[in-house]
Amino acid sequence: MSSTKERVFVTAATGNIGNGVVRSLVKQGIDTTAYVRDEKKSKDLFKEELTTGHLNLVIGDYSSIDVFTKAIKGHTRLFLLFAAHGTKPWSMSQIKESFAKIAFEQGVRQIVDLSSAFVSSYGKKGIIGYMHTAAEEKLWTLADANPEQRSLVVLRPGAFMTNHFMADVHQIKHQNKIASCASPSSKVTWIDTKDIADCAAVVLSESVEKHDRNVYELGGETLTHEQRAAIFSKVLGKSIKYEQQSMEDFYKASIGHGMPHSFVYNFAMGASKDICDNATPEISVIIGRPLRTLEDWLNENAKAFQ
């Protein structure tokens, strides 16, 4: 893709996924705009990339419709990411629809949407599945209104490995355990956010036609909870056990950590069924390497759990 012809607009650019997308595109010499809320944080985060002449910062958020409408002009691609936590159930679909409509009307040819594997496994059952499914439906409607000019690619990742930085990190550090309401033998398919970012960057940098209307599920490794505890034990050099909580204790503990009811219930519901049906090694043909394992990820982040 020629950087003189293509310009990519990246939302949520300072997050784990967004900043990886930005760095990958800039490294390829592709003109990129990072949509950020905190200018100082962004200048520190992208200090090297800003010296290349291929990165521009736009300060705004999802309520800054006028800012986005002006900034998106001249871009050909959009990476669309909206974090569900802490928002109203209908916010994601409403905001994604609004941003996508503006982008397509301003000449954007391709949108790469970050969705969730909950869409495949649960549909609208559960708040996470509902939010992402509703958003996808609106995006497909917009894209299909003018299919010759509007391309949509959807990424549906499984459980983020970075989720271990939430409740798990405290239990591992102070109690040498991982606790959940799922049975020890139940499975979860994990994905490194680096793999998500790399997949998005490839799609955004290759021809629009190649990936048009594809839905890519992303799962790096499927593990039982006992296998997950064994990996933490191996990397950290101490015994980490998996403990199955009752549904009631799991619910109370999660609510106590500040999680809203709908999300806690969603995770409890998902304890018996993985959000991905299987790992997706086929993604390696897109990113040019095998997907990373939980052990790979933990070796890079072990200090946080010690």
C-alpha atoms as a PDB file:
ATOM      1  CA  MET A   1       0.000   0.000   0.000  1.00  0.00           C
ATOM      2  CA  SER A   2       1.443   3.368  -0.939  1.00  0.00           C
ATOM      3  CA  SER A   3       1.675   5.838   1.916  1.00  0.00           C
ATOM      4  CA  THR A   4       1.088   8.693  -0.569  1.00  0.00           C
ATOM      5  CA  LYS A   5      -2.320   7.334  -1.534  1.00  0.00           C
ATOM      6  CA  GLU A   6      -3.574   5.862   1.722  1.00  0.00           C
ATOM      7  CA  ARG A   7      -4.155   7.438   5.121  1.00  0.00           C
ATOM      8  CA  VAL A   8      -5.272   5.417   8.116  1.00  0.00           C
ATOM      9  CA  PHE A   9      -7.254   6.797  11.054  1.00  0.00           C
ATOM     10  CA  VAL A  10      -6.888   4.856  14.335  1.00  0.00           C
ATOM     11  CA  THR A  11      -9.329   5.312  17.226  1.00  0.00           C
ATOM     12  CA  ALA A  12      -8.433   4.390  20.819  1.00  0.00           C
ATOM     13  CA  ALA A  13      -4.845   4.848  19.694  1.00  0.00           C
ATOM     14  CA  THR A  14      -3.170   4.807  23.114  1.00  0.00           C
ATOM     15  CA  GLY A  15      -4.667   1.491  24.256  1.00  0.00           C
ATOM     16  CA  ASN A  16      -2.889  -1.866  24.119  1.00  0.00           C
ATOM     17  CA  ILE A  17      -4.282  -2.649  20.681  1.00  0.00           C
ATOM     18  CA  GLY A  18      -4.487   0.830  19.175  1.00  0.00           C
ATOM     19  CA  ASN A  19      -0.894   1.795  19.931  1.00  0.00           C
ATOM     20  CA  GLY A  20       0.313  -1.446  18.356  1.00  0.00           C
ATOM     21  CA  VAL A  21      -1.660  -0.677  15.211  1.00  0.00           C
ATOM     22  CA  VAL A  22      -0.248   2.849  15.063  1.00  0.00           C
ATOM     23  CA  ARG A  23       3.353   1.728  15.523  1.00  0.00           C
ATOM     24  CA  SER A  24       3.076  -0.988  12.895  1.00  0.00           C
ATOM     25  CA  LEU A  25       1.571   1.337  10.293  1.00  0.00           C
ATOM     26  CA  VAL A  26       4.087   4.112  10.916  1.00  0.00           C
ATOM     27  CA  LYS A  27       6.949   1.602  10.733  1.00  0.00           C
ATOM     28  CA  GLN A  28       5.723   0.725   7.231  1.00  0.00           C
ATOM     29  CA  GLY A  29       5.780   4.391   6.247  1.00  0.00           C
ATOM     30  CA  ILE A  30       1.999   4.673   6.120  1.00  0.00           C
ATOM     31  CA  ASP A  31       0.519   8.068   6.978  1.00  0.00           C
ATOM     32  CA  THR A  32      -1.458   7.522  10.168  1.00  0.00           C
ATOM     33  CA  THR A  33      -3.695   9.628  12.393  1.00  0.00           C
ATOM     34  CA  ALA A  34      -4.030   8.687  16.048  1.00  0.00           C
ATOM     35  CA  TYR A  35      -7.297   9.761  17.689  1.00  0.00           C
ATOM     36  CA  VAL A  36      -6.470  10.368  21.360  1.00  0.00           C
ATOM     37  CA  ARG A  37      -7.861  12.051  24.452  1.00  0.00           C
ATOM     38  CA  ASP A  38      -4.637  12.965  26.266  1.00  0.00           C
ATOM     39  CA  GLU A  39      -2.184  14.964  24.170  1.00  0.00           C
ATOM     40  CA  LYS A  40       0.724  14.814  26.636  1.00  0.00           C
ATOM     41  CA  LYS A  41       0.396  11.065  27.180  1.00  0.00           C
ATOM     42  CA  SER A  42       0.225  10.518  23.433  1.00  0.00           C
ATOM     43  CA  LYS A  43       3.294  12.620  22.703  1.00  0.00           C
ATOM     44  CA  ASP A  44       5.252  10.617  25.274  1.00  0.00           C
ATOM     45  CA  LEU A  45       3.912   7.281  24.012  1.00  0.00           C
ATOM     46  CA  PHE A  46       4.576   8.018  20.338  1.00  0.00           C
ATOM     47  CA  LYS A  47       7.722  10.104  20.785  1.00  0.00           C
ATOM     48  CA  GLU A  48       9.711   8.186  18.174  1.00  0.00           C
ATOM     49  CA  GLU A  49       6.841   7.773  15.725  1.00  0.00           C
ATOM     50  CA  LEU A  50       6.139  11.509  15.728  1.00  0.00           C
ATOM     51  CA  THR A  51       9.649  12.169  14.392  1.00  0.00           C
ATOM     52  CA  THR A  52       8.980  10.158  11.227  1.00  0.00           C
ATOM     53  CA  GLY A  53       6.533  12.555   9.633  1.00  0.00           C
ATOM     54  CA  HIS A  54       4.027   9.739   9.220  1.00  0.00           C
ATOM     55  CA  LEU A  55       2.038  10.265  12.421  1.00  0.00           C
ATOM     56  CA  ASN A  56      -0.469  12.977  13.239  1.00  0.00           C
ATOM     57  CA  LEU A  57      -2.352  13.355  16.529  1.00  0.00           C
ATOM     58  CA  VAL A  58      -5.973  14.471  16.763  1.00  0.00           C
ATOM     59  CA  ILE A  59      -7.314  15.250  20.228  1.00  0.00           C
ATOM     60  CA  GLY A  60     -10.894  14.153  20.826  1.00  0.00           C
ATOM     61  CA  ASP A  61     -13.182  11.428  22.135  1.00  0.00           C
ATOM     62  CA  TYR A  62     -16.343   9.642  21.060  1.00  0.00           C
ATOM     63  CA  SER A  63     -18.487  12.626  21.990  1.00  0.00           C
ATOM     64  CA  SER A  64     -16.416  14.946  19.760  1.00  0.00           C
ATOM     65  CA  ILE A  65     -18.406  14.359  16.585  1.00  0.00           C
ATOM     66  CA  ASP A  66     -17.419  17.683  15.026  1.00  0.00           C
ATOM     67  CA  VAL A  67     -13.732  17.007  15.669  1.00  0.00           C
ATOM     68  CA  PHE A  68     -13.947  13.537  14.147  1.00  0.00           C
ATOM     69  CA  THR A  69     -15.949  14.730  11.126  1.00  0.00           C
ATOM     70  CA  LYS A  70     -13.288  17.306  10.304  1.00  0.00           C
ATOM     71  CA  ALA A  71     -10.331  15.037  11.068  1.00  0.00           C
ATOM     72  CA  ILE A  72     -11.465  11.989   9.093  1.00  0.00           C
ATOM     73  CA  LYS A  73     -11.533  13.899   5.800  1.00  0.00           C
ATOM     74  CA  GLY A  74      -8.827  12.680   3.435  1.00  0.00           C
ATOM     75  CA  HIS A  75      -8.449   9.294   5.095  1.00  0.00           C
ATOM     76  CA  THR A  76      -9.090   6.029   3.282  1.00  0.00           C
ATOM     77  CA  ARG A  77      -9.164   3.577   6.182  1.00  0.00           C
ATOM     78  CA  LEU A  78     -10.504   3.539   9.745  1.00  0.00           C
ATOM     79  CA  PHE A  79      -9.657   1.272  12.665  1.00  0.00           C
ATOM     80  CA  LEU A  80     -12.712   1.376  14.935  1.00  0.00           C
ATOM     81  CA  LEU A  81     -12.429   0.340  18.585  1.00  0.00           C
ATOM     82  CA  PHE A  82     -14.809   1.250  21.397  1.00  0.00           C
ATOM     83  CA  ALA A  83     -14.362  -0.134  24.922  1.00  0.00           C
ATOM     84  CA  ALA A  84     -17.601  -1.528  26.317  1.00  0.00           C
ATOM     85  CA  HIS A  85     -16.869  -1.316  30.036  1.00  0.00           C
ATOM     86  CA  GLY A  86     -18.464   1.592  31.867  1.00  0.00           C
ATOM     87  CA  THR A  87     -20.911   2.545  29.114  1.00  0.00           C
ATOM     88  CA  LYS A  88     -24.631   2.141  28.518  1.00  0.00           C
ATOM     89  CA  PRO A  89     -25.638  -1.093  26.731  1.00  0.00           C
ATOM     90  CA  TRP A  90     -26.692   0.805  23.619  1.00  0.00           C
ATOM     91  CA  SER A  91     -23.692   3.190  23.512  1.00  0.00           C
ATOM     92  CA  MET A  92     -21.365   0.983  21.485  1.00  0.00           C
ATOM     93  CA  SER A  93     -23.732   0.413  18.566  1.00  0.00           C
ATOM     94  CA  GLN A  94     -24.830   4.045  18.527  1.00  0.00           C
ATOM     95  CA  ILE A  95     -21.284   5.450  18.565  1.00  0.00           C
ATOM     96  CA  LYS A  96     -19.841   2.960  16.097  1.00  0.00           C
ATOM     97  CA  GLU A  97     -22.719   3.571  13.711  1.00  0.00           C
ATOM     98  CA  SER A  98     -22.246   7.331  13.962  1.00  0.00           C
ATOM     99  CA  PHE A  99     -18.474   7.215  13.385  1.00  0.00           C
ATOM    100  CA  ALA A 100     -18.759   4.684  10.571  1.00  0.00           C
ATOM    101  CA  LYS A 101     -21.495   6.661   8.790  1.00  0.00           C
ATOM    102  CA  ILE A 102     -19.411   9.825   8.927  1.00  0.00           C
ATOM    103  CA  ALA A 103     -16.296   7.988   7.788  1.00  0.00           C
ATOM    104  CA  PHE A 104     -17.968   6.347   4.803  1.00  0.00           C
ATOM    105  CA  GLU A 105     -19.618   9.623   3.809  1.00  0.00           C
ATOM    106  CA  GLN A 106     -16.225  11.341   3.946  1.00  0.00           C
ATOM    107  CA  GLY A 107     -14.705   8.808   1.562  1.00  0.00           C
ATOM    108  CA  VAL A 108     -13.240   6.134   3.828  1.00  0.00           C
ATOM    109  CA  ARG A 109     -13.149   2.903   1.817  1.00  0.00           C
ATOM    110  CA  GLN A 110     -12.364   0.369   4.528  1.00  0.00           C
ATOM    111  CA  ILE A 111     -13.348   0.042   8.186  1.00  0.00           C
ATOM    112  CA  VAL A 112     -11.693  -2.555  10.394  1.00  0.00           C
ATOM    113  CA  ASP A 113     -13.912  -3.103  13.421  1.00  0.00           C
ATOM    114  CA  LEU A 114     -12.754  -4.634  16.689  1.00  0.00           C
ATOM    115  CA  SER A 115     -15.621  -6.810  17.865  1.00  0.00           C
ATOM    116  CA  SER A 116     -15.621  -9.910  20.092  1.00  0.00           C
ATOM    117  CA  ALA A 117     -15.789 -13.683  19.779  1.00  0.00           C
ATOM    118  CA  PHE A 118     -18.845 -13.431  22.040  1.00  0.00           C
ATOM    119  CA  VAL A 119     -20.740 -12.539  18.849  1.00  0.00           C
ATOM    120  CA  SER A 120     -19.977 -15.931  17.321  1.00  0.00           C
ATOM    121  CA  SER A 121     -20.622 -17.975  20.460  1.00  0.00           C
ATOM    122  CA  TYR A 122     -23.455 -16.100  22.149  1.00  0.00           C
ATOM    123  CA  GLY A 123     -24.983 -13.554  19.778  1.00  0.00           C
ATOM    124  CA  LYS A 124     -27.052 -11.124  21.843  1.00  0.00           C
ATOM    125  CA  LYS A 125     -27.153 -13.444  24.843  1.00  0.00           C
ATOM    126  CA  GLY A 126     -25.166 -11.659  27.536  1.00  0.00           C
ATOM    127  CA  ILE A 127     -24.346  -7.959  27.671  1.00  0.00           C
ATOM    128  CA  ILE A 128     -20.978  -8.226  25.884  1.00  0.00           C
ATOM    129  CA  GLY A 129     -22.452 -10.275  23.059  1.00  0.00           C
ATOM    130  CA  TYR A 130     -25.402  -7.911  22.817  1.00  0.00           C
ATOM    131  CA  MET A 131     -23.240  -4.792  22.539  1.00  0.00           C
ATOM    132  CA  HIS A 132     -20.915  -6.170  19.889  1.00  0.00           C
ATOM    133  CA  THR A 133     -23.631  -7.949  17.901  1.00  0.00           C
ATOM    134  CA  ALA A 134     -25.802  -4.835  17.789  1.00  0.00           C
ATOM    135  CA  ALA A 135     -22.815  -2.763  16.677  1.00  0.00           C
ATOM    136  CA  GLU A 136     -21.825  -5.241  13.980  1.00  0.00           C
ATOM    137  CA  GLU A 137     -25.351  -5.310  12.594  1.00  0.00           C
ATOM    138  CA  LYS A 138     -25.337  -1.544  12.140  1.00  0.00           C
ATOM    139  CA  LEU A 139     -21.893  -1.552  10.532  1.00  0.00           C
ATOM    140  CA  TRP A 140     -22.851  -4.281   8.051  1.00  0.00           C
ATOM    141  CA  THR A 141     -25.988  -2.317   7.126  1.00  0.00           C
ATOM    142  CA  LEU A 142     -23.897   0.779   6.386  1.00  0.00           C
ATOM    143  CA  ALA A 143     -21.307  -1.157   4.394  1.00  0.00           C
ATOM    144  CA  ASP A 144     -23.889  -3.067   2.364  1.00  0.00           C
ATOM    145  CA  ALA A 145     -25.699   0.151   1.448  1.00  0.00           C
ATOM    146  CA  ASN A 146     -22.856   0.835  -1.007  1.00  0.00           C
ATOM    147  CA  PRO A 147     -20.780  -2.364  -1.265  1.00  0.00           C
ATOM    148  CA  GLU A 148     -18.653  -1.195  -4.193  1.00  0.00           C
ATOM    149  CA  GLN A 149     -17.291   1.726  -2.191  1.00  0.00           C
ATOM    150  CA  ARG A 150     -17.565   0.517   1.414  1.00  0.00           C
ATOM    151  CA  SER A 151     -15.507  -2.362   2.776  1.00  0.00           C
ATOM    152  CA  LEU A 152     -15.901  -3.819   6.267  1.00  0.00           C
ATOM    153  CA  VAL A 153     -13.615  -6.275   8.048  1.00  0.00           C
ATOM    154  CA  VAL A 154     -14.476  -7.543  11.534  1.00  0.00           C
ATOM    155  CA  LEU A 155     -12.015  -8.894  14.105  1.00  0.00           C
ATOM    156  CA  ARG A 156     -13.492 -11.119  16.835  1.00  0.00           C
ATOM    157  CA  PRO A 157     -10.855 -11.870  19.475  1.00  0.00           C
ATOM    158  CA  GLY A 158     -11.220 -14.290  22.372  1.00  0.00           C
ATOM    159  CA  ALA A 159     -10.207 -13.489  25.959  1.00  0.00           C
ATOM    160  CA  PHE A 160      -7.376 -10.959  26.194  1.00  0.00           C
ATOM    161  CA  MET A 161      -4.264 -12.189  27.983  1.00  0.00           C
ATOM    162  CA  THR A 162      -4.047  -8.708  29.487  1.00  0.00           C
ATOM    163  CA  ASN A 163      -7.245  -9.525  31.432  1.00  0.00           C
ATOM    164  CA  HIS A 164      -4.901 -11.223  33.900  1.00  0.00           C
ATOM    165  CA  PHE A 165      -3.929  -7.724  35.050  1.00  0.00           C
ATOM    166  CA  MET A 166      -7.385  -7.320  36.568  1.00  0.00           C
ATOM    167  CA  ALA A 167      -8.512  -9.569  39.456  1.00  0.00           C
ATOM    168  CA  ASP A 168      -6.082 -12.417  38.732  1.00  0.00           C
ATOM    169  CA  VAL A 169      -2.935 -10.411  39.388  1.00  0.00           C
ATOM    170  CA  HIS A 170      -3.851  -9.733  43.038  1.00  0.00           C
ATOM    171  CA  GLN A 171      -4.745 -13.344  43.778  1.00  0.00           C
ATOM    172  CA  ILE A 172      -1.602 -14.649  42.098  1.00  0.00           C
ATOM    173  CA  LYS A 173       0.698 -12.215  43.911  1.00  0.00           C
ATOM    174  CA  HIS A 174      -0.782 -12.492  47.392  1.00  0.00           C
ATOM    175  CA  GLN A 175      -2.604 -15.839  47.535  1.00  0.00           C
ATOM    176  CA  ASN A 176      -0.770 -17.974  44.941  1.00  0.00           C
ATOM    177  CA  LYS A 177      -4.018 -18.874  43.232  1.00  0.00           C
ATOM    178  CA  ILE A 178      -6.339 -18.160  40.337  1.00  0.00           C
ATOM    179  CA  ALA A 179     -10.012 -18.224  41.290  1.00  0.00           C
ATOM    180  CA  SER A 180     -13.139 -18.352  39.147  1.00  0.00           C
ATOM    181  CA  CYS A 181     -16.560 -19.980  39.098  1.00  0.00           C
ATOM    182  CA  ALA A 182     -15.637 -22.229  36.155  1.00  0.00           C
ATOM    183  CA  SER A 183     -14.686 -25.877  36.625  1.00  0.00           C
ATOM    184  CA  PRO A 184     -10.927 -26.629  36.556  1.00  0.00           C
ATOM    185  CA  SER A 185     -11.332 -28.524  33.273  1.00  0.00           C
ATOM    186  CA  SER A 186     -13.349 -25.873  31.450  1.00  0.00           C
ATOM    187  CA  LYS A 187     -11.499 -24.066  28.674  1.00  0.00           C
ATOM    188  CA  VAL A 188     -10.823 -20.496  27.647  1.00  0.00           C
ATOM    189  CA  THR A 189      -9.235 -19.374  24.387  1.00  0.00           C
ATOM    190  CA  TRP A 190      -6.726 -16.584  24.994  1.00  0.00           C
ATOM    191  CA  ILE A 191      -5.273 -14.021  22.599  1.00  0.00           C
ATOM    192  CA  ASP A 192      -2.374 -11.596  22.969  1.00  0.00           C
ATOM    193  CA  THR A 193      -3.337  -8.018  22.132  1.00  0.00           C
ATOM    194  CA  LYS A 194      -0.122  -7.844  20.060  1.00  0.00           C
ATOM    195  CA  ASP A 195      -1.602 -10.454  17.732  1.00  0.00           C
ATOM    196  CA  ILE A 196      -4.817  -8.460  17.414  1.00  0.00           C
ATOM    197  CA  ALA A 197      -2.873  -5.288  16.624  1.00  0.00           C
ATOM    198  CA  ASP A 198      -0.679  -7.054  14.075  1.00  0.00           C
ATOM    199  CA  CYS A 199      -3.692  -8.591  12.343  1.00  0.00           C
ATOM    200  CA  ALA A 200      -5.445  -5.225  12.164  1.00  0.00           C
ATOM    201  CA  ALA A 201      -2.315  -3.524  10.810  1.00  0.00           C
ATOM    202  CA  VAL A 202      -1.940  -6.115   8.046  1.00  0.00           C
ATOM    203  CA  VAL A 203      -5.562  -5.718   6.977  1.00  0.00           C
ATOM    204  CA  LEU A 204      -5.201  -1.924   7.017  1.00  0.00           C
ATOM    205  CA  SER A 205      -2.037  -2.029   4.927  1.00  0.00           C
ATOM    206  CA  GLU A 206      -2.957  -4.586   2.271  1.00  0.00           C
ATOM    207  CA  SER A 207      -5.420  -4.115  -0.563  1.00  0.00           C
ATOM    208  CA  VAL A 208      -8.999  -3.371   0.429  1.00  0.00           C
ATOM    209  CA  GLU A 209     -10.266  -6.071  -1.890  1.00  0.00           C
ATOM    210  CA  LYS A 210      -8.165  -8.839  -0.309  1.00  0.00           C
ATOM    211  CA  HIS A 211      -9.876  -8.728   3.084  1.00  0.00           C
ATOM    212  CA  ASP A 212     -13.268  -7.262   2.162  1.00  0.00           C
ATOM    213  CA  ARG A 213     -16.201  -8.692   4.182  1.00  0.00           C
ATOM    214  CA  ASN A 214     -14.013 -11.121   6.109  1.00  0.00           C
ATOM    215  CA  VAL A 215     -14.684 -11.915   9.760  1.00  0.00           C
ATOM    216  CA  TYR A 216     -11.511 -13.005  11.506  1.00  0.00           C
ATOM    217  CA  GLU A 217     -11.797 -14.758  14.835  1.00  0.00           C
ATOM    218  CA  LEU A 218      -8.601 -14.625  16.885  1.00  0.00           C
ATOM    219  CA  GLY A 219      -7.626 -17.192  19.488  1.00  0.00           C
ATOM    220  CA  GLY A 220      -4.019 -17.949  20.281  1.00  0.00           C
ATOM    221  CA  GLU A 221      -4.288 -20.826  22.704  1.00  0.00           C
ATOM    222  CA  THR A 222      -7.080 -22.814  24.335  1.00  0.00           C
ATOM    223  CA  LEU A 223      -6.327 -23.804  27.930  1.00  0.00           C
ATOM    224  CA  THR A 224      -8.140 -25.341  30.870  1.00  0.00           C
ATOM    225  CA  HIS A 225      -7.906 -23.346  34.085  1.00  0.00           C
ATOM    226  CA  GLU A 226      -5.612 -25.998  35.535  1.00  0.00           C
ATOM    227  CA  GLN A 227      -3.305 -25.667  32.524  1.00  0.00           C
ATOM    228  CA  ARG A 228      -3.323 -21.909  32.928  1.00  0.00           C
ATOM    229  CA  ALA A 229      -2.309 -22.213  36.592  1.00  0.00           C
ATOM    230  CA  ALA A 230       0.468 -24.615  35.602  1.00  0.00           C
ATOM    231  CA  ILE A 231       1.876 -22.057  33.143  1.00  0.00           C
ATOM    232  CA  PHE A 232       1.917 -19.381  35.841  1.00  0.00           C
ATOM    233  CA  SER A 233       3.641 -21.842  38.180  1.00  0.00           C
ATOM    234  CA  LYS A 234       6.311 -22.625  35.587  1.00  0.00           C
ATOM    235  CA  VAL A 235       7.091 -19.034  34.663  1.00  0.00           C
ATOM    236  CA  LEU A 236       6.880 -17.536  38.156  1.00  0.00           C
ATOM    237  CA  GLY A 237       8.767 -20.392  39.836  1.00  0.00           C
ATOM    238  CA  LYS A 238       6.172 -20.966  42.540  1.00  0.00           C
ATOM    239  CA  SER A 239       3.059 -23.085  42.871  1.00  0.00           C
ATOM    240  CA  ILE A 240      -0.093 -21.392  41.591  1.00  0.00           C
ATOM    241  CA  LYS A 241      -3.303 -23.337  42.134  1.00  0.00           C
ATOM    242  CA  TYR A 242      -6.684 -22.986  40.483  1.00  0.00           C
ATOM    243  CA  GLU A 243      -9.631 -22.646  42.846  1.00  0.00           C
ATOM    244  CA  GLN A 244     -13.234 -23.037  41.752  1.00  0.00           C
ATOM    245  CA  GLN A 245     -15.538 -20.618  43.537  1.00  0.00           C
ATOM    246  CA  SER A 246     -19.269 -20.968  43.905  1.00  0.00           C
ATOM    247  CA  MET A 247     -21.298 -18.788  41.573  1.00  0.00           C
ATOM    248  CA  GLU A 248     -22.436 -16.774  44.577  1.00  0.00           C
ATOM    249  CA  ASP A 249     -18.903 -16.129  45.858  1.00  0.00           C
ATOM    250  CA  PHE A 250     -17.682 -15.246  42.367  1.00  0.00           C
ATOM    251  CA  TYR A 251     -20.538 -12.805  41.918  1.00  0.00           C
ATOM    252  CA  LYS A 252     -19.997 -11.132  45.308  1.00  0.00           C
ATOM    253  CA  ALA A 253     -16.242 -10.831  44.816  1.00  0.00           C
ATOM    254  CA  SER A 254     -16.599  -9.371  41.327  1.00  0.00           C
ATOM    255  CA  ILE A 255     -19.239  -6.869  42.406  1.00  0.00           C
ATOM    256  CA  GLY A 256     -16.938  -5.974  45.265  1.00  0.00           C
ATOM    257  CA  HIS A 257     -14.197  -5.144  42.769  1.00  0.00           C
ATOM    258  CA  GLY A 258     -16.547  -2.638  41.132  1.00  0.00           C
ATOM    259  CA  MET A 259     -17.742  -4.628  38.134  1.00  0.00           C
ATOM    260  CA  PRO A 260     -21.344  -3.957  37.081  1.00  0.00           C
ATOM    261  CA  HIS A 261     -23.938  -6.708  37.409  1.00  0.00           C
ATOM    262  CA  SER A 262     -24.383  -7.277  33.671  1.00  0.00           C
ATOM    263  CA  PHE A 263     -20.688  -7.928  33.083  1.00  0.00           C
ATOM    264  CA  VAL A 264     -20.325 -10.202  36.108  1.00  0.00           C
ATOM    265  CA  TYR A 265     -23.389 -12.182  35.029  1.00  0.00           C
ATOM    266  CA  ASN A 266     -21.983 -12.390  31.497  1.00  0.00           C
ATOM    267  CA  PHE A 267     -18.699 -13.869  32.769  1.00  0.00           C
ATOM    268  CA  ALA A 268     -20.542 -16.269  35.065  1.00  0.00           C
ATOM    269  CA  MET A 269     -22.662 -17.398  32.136  1.00  0.00           C
ATOM    270  CA  GLY A 270     -19.532 -17.886  30.059  1.00  0.00           C
ATOM    271  CA  ALA A 271     -17.880 -20.075  32.679  1.00  0.00           C
ATOM    272  CA  SER A 272     -19.359 -23.187  31.104  1.00  0.00           C
ATOM    273  CA  LYS A 273     -18.751 -22.264  27.440  1.00  0.00           C
ATOM    274  CA  ASP A 274     -15.641 -20.787  25.876  1.00  0.00           C
ATOM    275  CA  ILE A 275     -16.157 -17.507  24.012  1.00  0.00           C
ATOM    276  CA  CYS A 276     -14.159 -19.012  21.119  1.00  0.00           C
ATOM    277  CA  ASP A 277     -14.975 -22.449  19.762  1.00  0.00           C
ATOM    278  CA  ASN A 278     -11.267 -23.125  19.162  1.00  0.00           C
ATOM    279  CA  ALA A 279      -7.891 -21.493  18.745  1.00  0.00           C
ATOM    280  CA  THR A 280      -7.311 -19.996  15.287  1.00  0.00           C
ATOM    281  CA  PRO A 281      -3.838 -20.962  14.013  1.00  0.00           C
ATOM    282  CA  GLU A 282      -4.990 -19.987  10.518  1.00  0.00           C
ATOM    283  CA  ILE A 283      -4.450 -16.325  11.462  1.00  0.00           C
ATOM    284  CA  SER A 284      -0.740 -17.051  10.998  1.00  0.00           C
ATOM    285  CA  VAL A 285      -1.260 -16.813   7.223  1.00  0.00           C
ATOM    286  CA  ILE A 286      -2.314 -13.192   7.723  1.00  0.00           C
ATOM    287  CA  ILE A 287       0.276 -12.004  10.244  1.00  0.00           C
ATOM    288  CA  GLY A 288       3.136 -14.143   8.917  1.00  0.00           C
ATOM    289  CA  ARG A 289       3.973 -15.926  12.179  1.00  0.00           C
ATOM    290  CA  PRO A 290       2.369 -18.226  14.753  1.00  0.00           C
ATOM    291  CA  LEU A 291       0.054 -16.656  17.321  1.00  0.00           C
ATOM    292  CA  ARG A 292       1.631 -16.087  20.706  1.00  0.00           C
ATOM    293  CA  THR A 293       1.016 -18.424  23.633  1.00  0.00           C
ATOM    294  CA  LEU A 294       0.114 -17.520  27.206  1.00  0.00           C
ATOM    295  CA  GLU A 295       3.627 -18.565  28.214  1.00  0.00           C
ATOM    296  CA  ASP A 296       5.090 -16.156  25.649  1.00  0.00           C
ATOM    297  CA  TRP A 297       2.988 -13.346  27.065  1.00  0.00           C
ATOM    298  CA  LEU A 298       3.702 -14.185  30.695  1.00  0.00           C
ATOM    299  CA  ASN A 299       7.462 -14.343  30.140  1.00  0.00           C
ATOM    300  CA  GLU A 300       7.264 -10.684  29.074  1.00  0.00           C
ATOM    301  CA  ASN A 301       4.996  -9.652  31.962  1.00  0.00           C
ATOM    302  CA  ALA A 302       6.171 -11.860  34.841  1.00  0.00           C
ATOM    303  CA  LYS A 303       7.292  -8.964  37.043  1.00  0.00           C
ATOM    304  CA  ALA A 304       3.706  -7.755  37.405  1.00  0.00           C
ATOM    305  CA  PHE A 305       2.765 -11.039  39.106  1.00  0.00           C
ATOM    306  CA  GLN A 306       5.736 -11.386  41.463  1.00  0.00           C
END
